[in-house]
Amino acid sequence: KLDRLSRDVAFIANLITQRVPFVSVELGADADPFMLH
């Protein structure tokens, strides 16, 4: 689940911005950045 990676929006946004690949099984590999935010 995404919250197991972090419960901090800024941290998740930073991963997305830096193009660090991660997959949340709950959301699927094709989850777009908007949904992740």
Full PDB file with SEQRES, HELIX, SHEET, SSBOND, CRYST1, ORIGX, SCALE, CONECT and MASTER records, all heavy atoms in Angstrom:
SEQRES   1 A   37  LYS LEU ASP ARG LEU SER ARG ASP VAL ALA PHE ILE ALA          
SEQRES   2 A   37  ASN LEU ILE THR GLN ARG VAL PRO PHE VAL SER VAL GLU          
SEQRES   3 A   37  LEU GLY ALA ASP ALA ASP PRO PHE MET LEU HIS                  
HELIX    1 AA1 LEU A    2  LEU A    5  1                                   4    
HELIX    2 AA2 VAL A    9  THR A   17  1                                   9    
HELIX    3 AA3 PRO A   33  LEU A   36  1                                   4    
CRYST1    1.000    1.000    1.000  90.00  90.00  90.00 P 1           1          
ORIGX1      1.000000  0.000000  0.000000        0.00000                         
ORIGX2      0.000000  1.000000  0.000000        0.00000                         
ORIGX3      0.000000  0.000000  1.000000        0.00000                         
SCALE1      1.000000  0.000000  0.000000        0.00000                         
SCALE2      0.000000  1.000000  0.000000        0.00000                         
SCALE3      0.000000  0.000000  1.000000        0.00000                         
ATOM      1  N   LYS A   1       0.863  -1.183   0.000  1.00  0.00           N  
ATOM      2  CA  LYS A   1       0.000   0.000   0.000  1.00  0.00           C  
ATOM      3  C   LYS A   1       0.897   1.230   0.000  1.00  0.00           C  
ATOM      4  O   LYS A   1       2.003   1.199   0.540  1.00  0.00           O  
ATOM      5  CB  LYS A   1      -0.895   0.010   1.242  1.00  0.00           C  
ATOM      6  CG  LYS A   1      -1.897  -1.117   1.287  1.00  0.00           C  
ATOM      7  CD  LYS A   1      -2.641  -1.154   2.611  1.00  0.00           C  
ATOM      8  CE  LYS A   1      -3.441   0.110   2.809  1.00  0.00           C  
ATOM      9  NZ  LYS A   1      -4.242   0.097   4.038  1.00  0.00           N  
ATOM     10  N   LEU A   2       0.410   2.295  -0.569  1.00  0.00           N  
ATOM     11  CA  LEU A   2       1.198   3.527  -0.668  1.00  0.00           C  
ATOM     12  C   LEU A   2       1.604   4.035   0.712  1.00  0.00           C  
ATOM     13  O   LEU A   2       2.718   4.517   0.895  1.00  0.00           O  
ATOM     14  CB  LEU A   2       0.409   4.611  -1.426  1.00  0.00           C  
ATOM     15  CG  LEU A   2       1.193   5.865  -1.769  1.00  0.00           C  
ATOM     16  CD1 LEU A   2       2.335   5.534  -2.723  1.00  0.00           C  
ATOM     17  CD2 LEU A   2       0.285   6.901  -2.395  1.00  0.00           C  
ATOM     18  N   ASP A   3       0.727   3.894   1.710  1.00  0.00           N  
ATOM     19  CA  ASP A   3       1.059   4.408   3.031  1.00  0.00           C  
ATOM     20  C   ASP A   3       2.165   3.599   3.718  1.00  0.00           C  
ATOM     21  O   ASP A   3       2.724   4.028   4.706  1.00  0.00           O  
ATOM     22  CB  ASP A   3      -0.168   4.526   3.925  1.00  0.00           C  
ATOM     23  CG  ASP A   3      -0.802   3.201   4.287  1.00  0.00           C  
ATOM     24  OD1 ASP A   3      -0.359   2.151   3.783  1.00  0.00           O  
ATOM     25  OD2 ASP A   3      -1.773   3.216   5.064  1.00  0.00           O  
ATOM     26  N   ARG A   4       2.515   2.433   3.197  1.00  0.00           N  
ATOM     27  CA  ARG A   4       3.645   1.669   3.726  1.00  0.00           C  
ATOM     28  C   ARG A   4       4.957   2.256   3.212  1.00  0.00           C  
ATOM     29  O   ARG A   4       6.003   2.074   3.815  1.00  0.00           O  
ATOM     30  CB  ARG A   4       3.557   0.178   3.365  1.00  0.00           C  
ATOM     31  CG  ARG A   4       2.309  -0.530   3.836  1.00  0.00           C  
ATOM     32  CD  ARG A   4       1.830  -0.208   5.249  1.00  0.00           C  
ATOM     33  NE  ARG A   4       2.857  -0.284   6.257  1.00  0.00           N  
ATOM     34  CZ  ARG A   4       2.932   0.495   7.326  1.00  0.00           C  
ATOM     35  NH1 ARG A   4       2.026   1.418   7.546  1.00  0.00           N  
ATOM     36  NH2 ARG A   4       3.895   0.355   8.184  1.00  0.00           N  
ATOM     37  N   LEU A   5       4.900   2.952   2.085  1.00  0.00           N  
ATOM     38  CA  LEU A   5       6.073   3.639   1.555  1.00  0.00           C  
ATOM     39  C   LEU A   5       6.301   4.930   2.346  1.00  0.00           C  
ATOM     40  O   LEU A   5       7.401   5.208   2.795  1.00  0.00           O  
ATOM     41  CB  LEU A   5       5.891   3.948   0.070  1.00  0.00           C  
ATOM     42  CG  LEU A   5       7.035   4.624  -0.665  1.00  0.00           C  
ATOM     43  CD1 LEU A   5       8.297   3.789  -0.590  1.00  0.00           C  
ATOM     44  CD2 LEU A   5       6.651   4.870  -2.112  1.00  0.00           C  
ATOM     45  N   SER A   6       5.229   5.693   2.503  1.00  0.00           N  
ATOM     46  CA  SER A   6       5.306   6.921   3.286  1.00  0.00           C  
ATOM     47  C   SER A   6       3.910   7.481   3.503  1.00  0.00           C  
ATOM     48  O   SER A   6       3.027   7.296   2.669  1.00  0.00           O  
ATOM     49  CB  SER A   6       6.164   7.970   2.582  1.00  0.00           C  
ATOM     50  OG  SER A   6       6.226   9.144   3.350  1.00  0.00           O  
ATOM     51  N   ARG A   7       3.740   8.193   4.606  1.00  0.00           N  
ATOM     52  CA  ARG A   7       2.504   8.924   4.865  1.00  0.00           C  
ATOM     53  C   ARG A   7       2.783  10.417   4.796  1.00  0.00           C  
ATOM     54  O   ARG A   7       2.208  11.200   5.520  1.00  0.00           O  
ATOM     55  CB  ARG A   7       1.944   8.555   6.240  1.00  0.00           C  
ATOM     56  CG  ARG A   7       1.423   7.142   6.273  1.00  0.00           C  
ATOM     57  CD  ARG A   7       0.772   6.823   7.591  1.00  0.00           C  
ATOM     58  NE  ARG A   7       0.383   5.432   7.600  1.00  0.00           N  
ATOM     59  CZ  ARG A   7      -0.737   4.972   8.098  1.00  0.00           C  
ATOM     60  NH1 ARG A   7      -1.591   5.789   8.657  1.00  0.00           N  
ATOM     61  NH2 ARG A   7      -1.025   3.708   8.068  1.00  0.00           N  
ATOM     62  N   ASP A   8       3.672  10.778   3.906  1.00  0.00           N  
ATOM     63  CA  ASP A   8       4.096  12.163   3.733  1.00  0.00           C  
ATOM     64  C   ASP A   8       3.953  12.533   2.257  1.00  0.00           C  
ATOM     65  O   ASP A   8       4.658  11.980   1.405  1.00  0.00           O  
ATOM     66  CB  ASP A   8       5.547  12.295   4.193  1.00  0.00           C  
ATOM     67  CG  ASP A   8       6.093  13.701   4.095  1.00  0.00           C  
ATOM     68  OD1 ASP A   8       5.337  14.620   3.706  1.00  0.00           O  
ATOM     69  OD2 ASP A   8       7.283  13.889   4.404  1.00  0.00           O  
ATOM     70  N   VAL A   9       3.046  13.457   1.964  1.00  0.00           N  
ATOM     71  CA  VAL A   9       2.787  13.854   0.581  1.00  0.00           C  
ATOM     72  C   VAL A   9       4.059  14.383  -0.071  1.00  0.00           C  
ATOM     73  O   VAL A   9       4.359  14.047  -1.221  1.00  0.00           O  
ATOM     74  CB  VAL A   9       1.668  14.935   0.515  1.00  0.00           C  
ATOM     75  CG1 VAL A   9       1.487  15.431  -0.903  1.00  0.00           C  
ATOM     76  CG2 VAL A   9       0.373  14.383   1.050  1.00  0.00           C  
ATOM     77  N   ALA A  10       4.817  15.175   0.662  1.00  0.00           N  
ATOM     78  CA  ALA A  10       6.038  15.760   0.091  1.00  0.00           C  
ATOM     79  C   ALA A  10       7.039  14.672  -0.292  1.00  0.00           C  
ATOM     80  O   ALA A  10       7.699  14.762  -1.335  1.00  0.00           O  
ATOM     81  CB  ALA A  10       6.665  16.737   1.081  1.00  0.00           C  
ATOM     82  N   PHE A  11       7.150  13.628   0.522  1.00  0.00           N  
ATOM     83  CA  PHE A  11       8.085  12.539   0.222  1.00  0.00           C  
ATOM     84  C   PHE A  11       7.661  11.823  -1.055  1.00  0.00           C  
ATOM     85  O   PHE A  11       8.475  11.585  -1.939  1.00  0.00           O  
ATOM     86  CB  PHE A  11       8.140  11.557   1.400  1.00  0.00           C  
ATOM     87  CG  PHE A  11       9.091  10.418   1.181  1.00  0.00           C  
ATOM     88  CD1 PHE A  11      10.447  10.582   1.407  1.00  0.00           C  
ATOM     89  CD2 PHE A  11       8.638   9.184   0.745  1.00  0.00           C  
ATOM     90  CE1 PHE A  11      11.334   9.541   1.196  1.00  0.00           C  
ATOM     91  CE2 PHE A  11       9.517   8.140   0.529  1.00  0.00           C  
ATOM     92  CZ  PHE A  11      10.868   8.316   0.764  1.00  0.00           C  
ATOM     93  N   ILE A  12       6.364  11.491  -1.154  1.00  0.00           N  
ATOM     94  CA  ILE A  12       5.843  10.807  -2.343  1.00  0.00           C  
ATOM     95  C   ILE A  12       6.023  11.707  -3.571  1.00  0.00           C  
ATOM     96  O   ILE A  12       6.450  11.257  -4.633  1.00  0.00           O  
ATOM     97  CB  ILE A  12       4.365  10.405  -2.166  1.00  0.00           C  
ATOM     98  CG1 ILE A  12       4.204   9.427  -0.991  1.00  0.00           C  
ATOM     99  CG2 ILE A  12       3.792   9.831  -3.447  1.00  0.00           C  
ATOM    100  CD1 ILE A  12       4.854   8.083  -1.169  1.00  0.00           C  
ATOM    101  N   ALA A  13       5.693  12.989  -3.425  1.00  0.00           N  
ATOM    102  CA  ALA A  13       5.832  13.926  -4.538  1.00  0.00           C  
ATOM    103  C   ALA A  13       7.286  14.025  -4.983  1.00  0.00           C  
ATOM    104  O   ALA A  13       7.575  14.094  -6.183  1.00  0.00           O  
ATOM    105  CB  ALA A  13       5.302  15.306  -4.140  1.00  0.00           C  
ATOM    106  N   ASN A  14       8.203  14.011  -4.031  1.00  0.00           N  
ATOM    107  CA  ASN A  14       9.627  14.063  -4.352  1.00  0.00           C  
ATOM    108  C   ASN A  14      10.051  12.818  -5.134  1.00  0.00           C  
ATOM    109  O   ASN A  14      10.812  12.914  -6.099  1.00  0.00           O  
ATOM    110  CB  ASN A  14      10.456  14.205  -3.075  1.00  0.00           C  
ATOM    111  CG  ASN A  14      11.910  14.489  -3.349  1.00  0.00           C  
ATOM    112  OD1 ASN A  14      12.245  15.190  -4.305  1.00  0.00           O  
ATOM    113  ND2 ASN A  14      12.776  13.949  -2.525  1.00  0.00           N  
ATOM    114  N   LEU A  15       9.568  11.647  -4.730  1.00  0.00           N  
ATOM    115  CA  LEU A  15       9.877  10.422  -5.476  1.00  0.00           C  
ATOM    116  C   LEU A  15       9.367  10.513  -6.912  1.00  0.00           C  
ATOM    117  O   LEU A  15      10.057  10.142  -7.859  1.00  0.00           O  
ATOM    118  CB  LEU A  15       9.268   9.198  -4.784  1.00  0.00           C  
ATOM    119  CG  LEU A  15       9.888   8.771  -3.455  1.00  0.00           C  
ATOM    120  CD1 LEU A  15       9.134   7.568  -2.894  1.00  0.00           C  
ATOM    121  CD2 LEU A  15      11.362   8.455  -3.593  1.00  0.00           C  
ATOM    122  N   ILE A  16       8.138  11.027  -7.046  1.00  0.00           N  
ATOM    123  CA  ILE A  16       7.542  11.160  -8.374  1.00  0.00           C  
ATOM    124  C   ILE A  16       8.356  12.153  -9.212  1.00  0.00           C  
ATOM    125  O   ILE A  16       8.688  11.886 -10.367  1.00  0.00           O  
ATOM    126  CB  ILE A  16       6.065  11.598  -8.275  1.00  0.00           C  
ATOM    127  CG1 ILE A  16       5.232  10.474  -7.643  1.00  0.00           C  
ATOM    128  CG2 ILE A  16       5.508  11.962  -9.641  1.00  0.00           C  
ATOM    129  CD1 ILE A  16       3.833  10.898  -7.234  1.00  0.00           C  
ATOM    130  N   THR A  17       8.687  13.300  -8.623  1.00  0.00           N  
ATOM    131  CA  THR A  17       9.436  14.337  -9.325  1.00  0.00           C  
ATOM    132  C   THR A  17      10.809  13.832  -9.766  1.00  0.00           C  
ATOM    133  O   THR A  17      11.259  14.132 -10.871  1.00  0.00           O  
ATOM    134  CB  THR A  17       9.611  15.576  -8.420  1.00  0.00           C  
ATOM    135  OG1 THR A  17       8.320  16.043  -8.046  1.00  0.00           O  
ATOM    136  CG2 THR A  17      10.352  16.681  -9.134  1.00  0.00           C  
ATOM    137  N   GLN A  18      11.454  13.052  -8.897  1.00  0.00           N  
ATOM    138  CA  GLN A  18      12.781  12.530  -9.222  1.00  0.00           C  
ATOM    139  C   GLN A  18      12.717  11.261 -10.077  1.00  0.00           C  
ATOM    140  O   GLN A  18      13.741  10.652 -10.342  1.00  0.00           O  
ATOM    141  CB  GLN A  18      13.561  12.250  -7.945  1.00  0.00           C  
ATOM    142  CG  GLN A  18      13.909  13.508  -7.189  1.00  0.00           C  
ATOM    143  CD  GLN A  18      14.739  13.202  -5.943  1.00  0.00           C  
ATOM    144  OE1 GLN A  18      15.082  12.064  -5.656  1.00  0.00           O  
ATOM    145  NE2 GLN A  18      15.050  14.241  -5.197  1.00  0.00           N  
ATOM    146  N   ARG A  19      11.502  10.894 -10.456  1.00  0.00           N  
ATOM    147  CA  ARG A  19      11.279   9.717 -11.309  1.00  0.00           C  
ATOM    148  C   ARG A  19      11.840   8.428 -10.701  1.00  0.00           C  
ATOM    149  O   ARG A  19      12.420   7.591 -11.381  1.00  0.00           O  
ATOM    150  CB  ARG A  19      11.837   9.948 -12.697  1.00  0.00           C  
ATOM    151  CG  ARG A  19      11.185  11.117 -13.419  1.00  0.00           C  
ATOM    152  CD  ARG A  19      11.661  11.209 -14.853  1.00  0.00           C  
ATOM    153  NE  ARG A  19      11.184  12.411 -15.485  1.00  0.00           N  
ATOM    154  CZ  ARG A  19       9.995  12.550 -16.072  1.00  0.00           C  
ATOM    155  NH1 ARG A  19       9.149  11.558 -16.091  1.00  0.00           N  
ATOM    156  NH2 ARG A  19       9.657  13.686 -16.643  1.00  0.00           N  
ATOM    157  N   VAL A  20      11.682   8.317  -9.384  1.00  0.00           N  
ATOM    158  CA  VAL A  20      12.067   7.084  -8.699  1.00  0.00           C  
ATOM    159  C   VAL A  20      10.928   6.096  -8.906  1.00  0.00           C  
ATOM    160  O   VAL A  20       9.794   6.361  -8.504  1.00  0.00           O  
ATOM    161  CB  VAL A  20      12.292   7.330  -7.190  1.00  0.00           C  
ATOM    162  CG1 VAL A  20      12.562   6.027  -6.462  1.00  0.00           C  
ATOM    163  CG2 VAL A  20      13.415   8.334  -6.974  1.00  0.00           C  
ATOM    164  N   PRO A  21      11.201   4.966  -9.538  1.00  0.00           N  
ATOM    165  CA  PRO A  21      10.118   4.026  -9.823  1.00  0.00           C  
ATOM    166  C   PRO A  21       9.654   3.275  -8.573  1.00  0.00           C  
ATOM    167  O   PRO A  21      10.468   2.718  -7.850  1.00  0.00           O  
ATOM    168  CB  PRO A  21      10.730   3.067 -10.848  1.00  0.00           C  
ATOM    169  CG  PRO A  21      12.191   3.156 -10.639  1.00  0.00           C  
ATOM    170  CD  PRO A  21      12.478   4.518 -10.089  1.00  0.00           C  
ATOM    171  N   PHE A  22       8.362   3.314  -8.330  1.00  0.00           N  
ATOM    172  CA  PHE A  22       7.775   2.532  -7.248  1.00  0.00           C  
ATOM    173  C   PHE A  22       6.381   2.119  -7.672  1.00  0.00           C  
ATOM    174  O   PHE A  22       5.727   2.788  -8.473  1.00  0.00           O  
ATOM    175  CB  PHE A  22       7.754   3.299  -5.921  1.00  0.00           C  
ATOM    176  CG  PHE A  22       6.907   4.522  -5.916  1.00  0.00           C  
ATOM    177  CD1 PHE A  22       5.571   4.463  -5.527  1.00  0.00           C  
ATOM    178  CD2 PHE A  22       7.435   5.748  -6.281  1.00  0.00           C  
ATOM    179  CE1 PHE A  22       4.785   5.606  -5.514  1.00  0.00           C  
ATOM    180  CE2 PHE A  22       6.656   6.882  -6.269  1.00  0.00           C  
ATOM    181  CZ  PHE A  22       5.321   6.818  -5.886  1.00  0.00           C  
ATOM    182  N   VAL A  23       5.941   0.990  -7.134  1.00  0.00           N  
ATOM    183  CA  VAL A  23       4.631   0.461  -7.470  1.00  0.00           C  
ATOM    184  C   VAL A  23       3.900   0.140  -6.178  1.00  0.00           C  
ATOM    185  O   VAL A  23       4.447  -0.531  -5.307  1.00  0.00           O  
ATOM    186  CB  VAL A  23       4.747  -0.824  -8.332  1.00  0.00           C  
ATOM    187  CG1 VAL A  23       3.383  -1.427  -8.583  1.00  0.00           C  
ATOM    188  CG2 VAL A  23       5.458  -0.526  -9.632  1.00  0.00           C  
ATOM    189  N   SER A  24       2.684   0.630  -6.079  1.00  0.00           N  
ATOM    190  CA  SER A  24       1.809   0.262  -4.982  1.00  0.00           C  
ATOM    191  C   SER A  24       0.889  -0.828  -5.507  1.00  0.00           C  
ATOM    192  O   SER A  24       0.126  -0.602  -6.450  1.00  0.00           O  
ATOM    193  CB  SER A  24       0.993   1.480  -4.519  1.00  0.00           C  
ATOM    194  OG  SER A  24      -0.045   1.062  -3.664  1.00  0.00           O  
ATOM    195  N   VAL A  25       0.966  -2.020  -4.924  1.00  0.00           N  
ATOM    196  CA  VAL A  25       0.147  -3.143  -5.385  1.00  0.00           C  
ATOM    197  C   VAL A  25      -1.336  -2.784  -5.286  1.00  0.00           C  
ATOM    198  O   VAL A  25      -2.130  -3.115  -6.160  1.00  0.00           O  
ATOM    199  CB  VAL A  25       0.467  -4.421  -4.573  1.00  0.00           C  
ATOM    200  CG1 VAL A  25      -0.466  -5.559  -4.935  1.00  0.00           C  
ATOM    201  CG2 VAL A  25       1.918  -4.817  -4.783  1.00  0.00           C  
ATOM    202  N   GLU A  26      -1.695  -2.043  -4.246  1.00  0.00           N  
ATOM    203  CA  GLU A  26      -3.079  -1.632  -4.035  1.00  0.00           C  
ATOM    204  C   GLU A  26      -3.607  -0.793  -5.205  1.00  0.00           C  
ATOM    205  O   GLU A  26      -4.748  -0.951  -5.634  1.00  0.00           O  
ATOM    206  CB  GLU A  26      -3.163  -0.830  -2.732  1.00  0.00           C  
ATOM    207  CG  GLU A  26      -4.533  -0.268  -2.427  1.00  0.00           C  
ATOM    208  CD  GLU A  26      -4.519   0.616  -1.195  1.00  0.00           C  
ATOM    209  OE1 GLU A  26      -3.640   1.504  -1.100  1.00  0.00           O  
ATOM    210  OE2 GLU A  26      -5.392   0.405  -0.347  1.00  0.00           O  
ATOM    211  N   LEU A  27      -2.754   0.085  -5.736  1.00  0.00           N  
ATOM    212  CA  LEU A  27      -3.181   0.993  -6.801  1.00  0.00           C  
ATOM    213  C   LEU A  27      -2.823   0.481  -8.192  1.00  0.00           C  
ATOM    214  O   LEU A  27      -3.379   0.954  -9.183  1.00  0.00           O  
ATOM    215  CB  LEU A  27      -2.550   2.379  -6.592  1.00  0.00           C  
ATOM    216  CG  LEU A  27      -2.881   3.057  -5.266  1.00  0.00           C  
ATOM    217  CD1 LEU A  27      -2.102   4.353  -5.134  1.00  0.00           C  
ATOM    218  CD2 LEU A  27      -4.368   3.305  -5.150  1.00  0.00           C  
ATOM    219  N   GLY A  28      -1.869  -0.419  -8.253  1.00  0.00           N  
ATOM    220  CA  GLY A  28      -1.466  -0.967  -9.546  1.00  0.00           C  
ATOM    221  C   GLY A  28      -0.299  -0.211 -10.147  1.00  0.00           C  
ATOM    222  O   GLY A  28       0.009   0.917  -9.766  1.00  0.00           O  
ATOM    223  N   ALA A  29       0.332  -0.842 -11.111  1.00  0.00           N  
ATOM    224  CA  ALA A  29       1.522  -0.270 -11.738  1.00  0.00           C  
ATOM    225  C   ALA A  29       1.205   0.928 -12.618  1.00  0.00           C  
ATOM    226  O   ALA A  29       2.076   1.741 -12.910  1.00  0.00           O  
ATOM    227  CB  ALA A  29       2.234  -1.339 -12.567  1.00  0.00           C  
ATOM    228  N   ASP A  30      -0.038   1.062 -13.053  1.00  0.00           N  
ATOM    229  CA  ASP A  30      -0.392   2.146 -13.969  1.00  0.00           C  
ATOM    230  C   ASP A  30      -1.035   3.338 -13.268  1.00  0.00           C  
ATOM    231  O   ASP A  30      -1.653   4.184 -13.920  1.00  0.00           O  
ATOM    232  CB  ASP A  30      -1.306   1.616 -15.076  1.00  0.00           C  
ATOM    233  CG  ASP A  30      -2.597   1.010 -14.522  1.00  0.00           C  
ATOM    234  OD1 ASP A  30      -2.656   0.771 -13.294  1.00  0.00           O  
ATOM    235  OD2 ASP A  30      -3.530   0.788 -15.313  1.00  0.00           O  
ATOM    236  N   ALA A  31      -0.896   3.427 -11.936  1.00  0.00           N  
ATOM    237  CA  ALA A  31      -1.476   4.558 -11.201  1.00  0.00           C  
ATOM    238  C   ALA A  31      -0.790   5.843 -11.642  1.00  0.00           C  
ATOM    239  O   ALA A  31       0.442   5.931 -11.681  1.00  0.00           O  
ATOM    240  CB  ALA A  31      -1.307   4.358  -9.704  1.00  0.00           C  
ATOM    241  N   ASP A  32      -1.580   6.842 -11.972  1.00  0.00           N  
ATOM    242  CA  ASP A  32      -0.990   8.101 -12.439  1.00  0.00           C  
ATOM    243  C   ASP A  32      -0.614   8.987 -11.245  1.00  0.00           C  
ATOM    244  O   ASP A  32      -1.068   8.773 -10.127  1.00  0.00           O  
ATOM    245  CB  ASP A  32      -1.930   8.814 -13.410  1.00  0.00           C  
ATOM    246  CG  ASP A  32      -3.199   9.326 -12.761  1.00  0.00           C  
ATOM    247  OD1 ASP A  32      -3.479   8.948 -11.607  1.00  0.00           O  
ATOM    248  OD2 ASP A  32      -3.925  10.110 -13.401  1.00  0.00           O  
ATOM    249  N   PRO A  33       0.254   9.973 -11.475  1.00  0.00           N  
ATOM    250  CA  PRO A  33       0.725  10.831 -10.382  1.00  0.00           C  
ATOM    251  C   PRO A  33      -0.399  11.527  -9.618  1.00  0.00           C  
ATOM    252  O   PRO A  33      -0.300  11.701  -8.405  1.00  0.00           O  
ATOM    253  CB  PRO A  33       1.618  11.852 -11.097  1.00  0.00           C  
ATOM    254  CG  PRO A  33       2.100  11.137 -12.309  1.00  0.00           C  
ATOM    255  CD  PRO A  33       0.958  10.255 -12.723  1.00  0.00           C  
ATOM    256  N   PHE A  34      -1.469  11.906 -10.295  1.00  0.00           N  
ATOM    257  CA  PHE A  34      -2.586  12.558  -9.619  1.00  0.00           C  
ATOM    258  C   PHE A  34      -3.178  11.633  -8.558  1.00  0.00           C  
ATOM    259  O   PHE A  34      -3.405  12.045  -7.419  1.00  0.00           O  
ATOM    260  CB  PHE A  34      -3.663  12.958 -10.640  1.00  0.00           C  
ATOM    261  CG  PHE A  34      -4.878  13.565 -10.009  1.00  0.00           C  
ATOM    262  CD1 PHE A  34      -4.831  14.845  -9.487  1.00  0.00           C  
ATOM    263  CD2 PHE A  34      -6.063  12.854  -9.929  1.00  0.00           C  
ATOM    264  CE1 PHE A  34      -5.948  15.414  -8.890  1.00  0.00           C  
ATOM    265  CE2 PHE A  34      -7.185  13.409  -9.337  1.00  0.00           C  
ATOM    266  CZ  PHE A  34      -7.133  14.691  -8.820  1.00  0.00           C  
ATOM    267  N   MET A  35      -3.413  10.370  -8.923  1.00  0.00           N  
ATOM    268  CA  MET A  35      -3.967   9.414  -7.970  1.00  0.00           C  
ATOM    269  C   MET A  35      -2.987   9.159  -6.821  1.00  0.00           C  
ATOM    270  O   MET A  35      -3.393   9.054  -5.665  1.00  0.00           O  
ATOM    271  CB  MET A  35      -4.304   8.087  -8.669  1.00  0.00           C  
ATOM    272  CG  MET A  35      -5.477   8.172  -9.619  1.00  0.00           C  
ATOM    273  SD  MET A  35      -7.004   8.632  -8.768  1.00  0.00           S  
ATOM    274  CE  MET A  35      -7.254   7.216  -7.729  1.00  0.00           C  
ATOM    275  N   LEU A  36      -1.705   9.081  -7.157  1.00  0.00           N  
ATOM    276  CA  LEU A  36      -0.707   8.865  -6.122  1.00  0.00           C  
ATOM    277  C   LEU A  36      -0.702  10.024  -5.121  1.00  0.00           C  
ATOM    278  O   LEU A  36      -0.603   9.807  -3.911  1.00  0.00           O  
ATOM    279  CB  LEU A  36       0.679   8.681  -6.744  1.00  0.00           C  
ATOM    280  CG  LEU A  36       0.879   7.392  -7.545  1.00  0.00           C  
ATOM    281  CD1 LEU A  36       2.207   7.424  -8.272  1.00  0.00           C  
ATOM    282  CD2 LEU A  36       0.771   6.174  -6.654  1.00  0.00           C  
ATOM    283  N   HIS A  37      -0.825  11.245  -5.627  1.00  0.00           N  
ATOM    284  CA  HIS A  37      -0.878  12.411  -4.745  1.00  0.00           C  
ATOM    285  C   HIS A  37      -2.120  12.361  -3.851  1.00  0.00           C  
ATOM    286  O   HIS A  37      -2.045  12.666  -2.657  1.00  0.00           O  
ATOM    287  CB  HIS A  37      -0.871  13.717  -5.561  1.00  0.00           C  
ATOM    288  CG  HIS A  37       0.484  14.141  -5.983  1.00  0.00           C  
ATOM    289  ND1 HIS A  37       1.038  13.772  -7.182  1.00  0.00           N  
ATOM    290  CD2 HIS A  37       1.419  14.907  -5.362  1.00  0.00           C  
ATOM    291  CE1 HIS A  37       2.239  14.293  -7.286  1.00  0.00           C  
ATOM    292  NE2 HIS A  37       2.497  14.983  -6.198  1.00  0.00           N  
TER     293      HIS A  37                                                      
MASTER        0    0    0    3    0    0    0    6  292    1    0    3          
END                                                                             
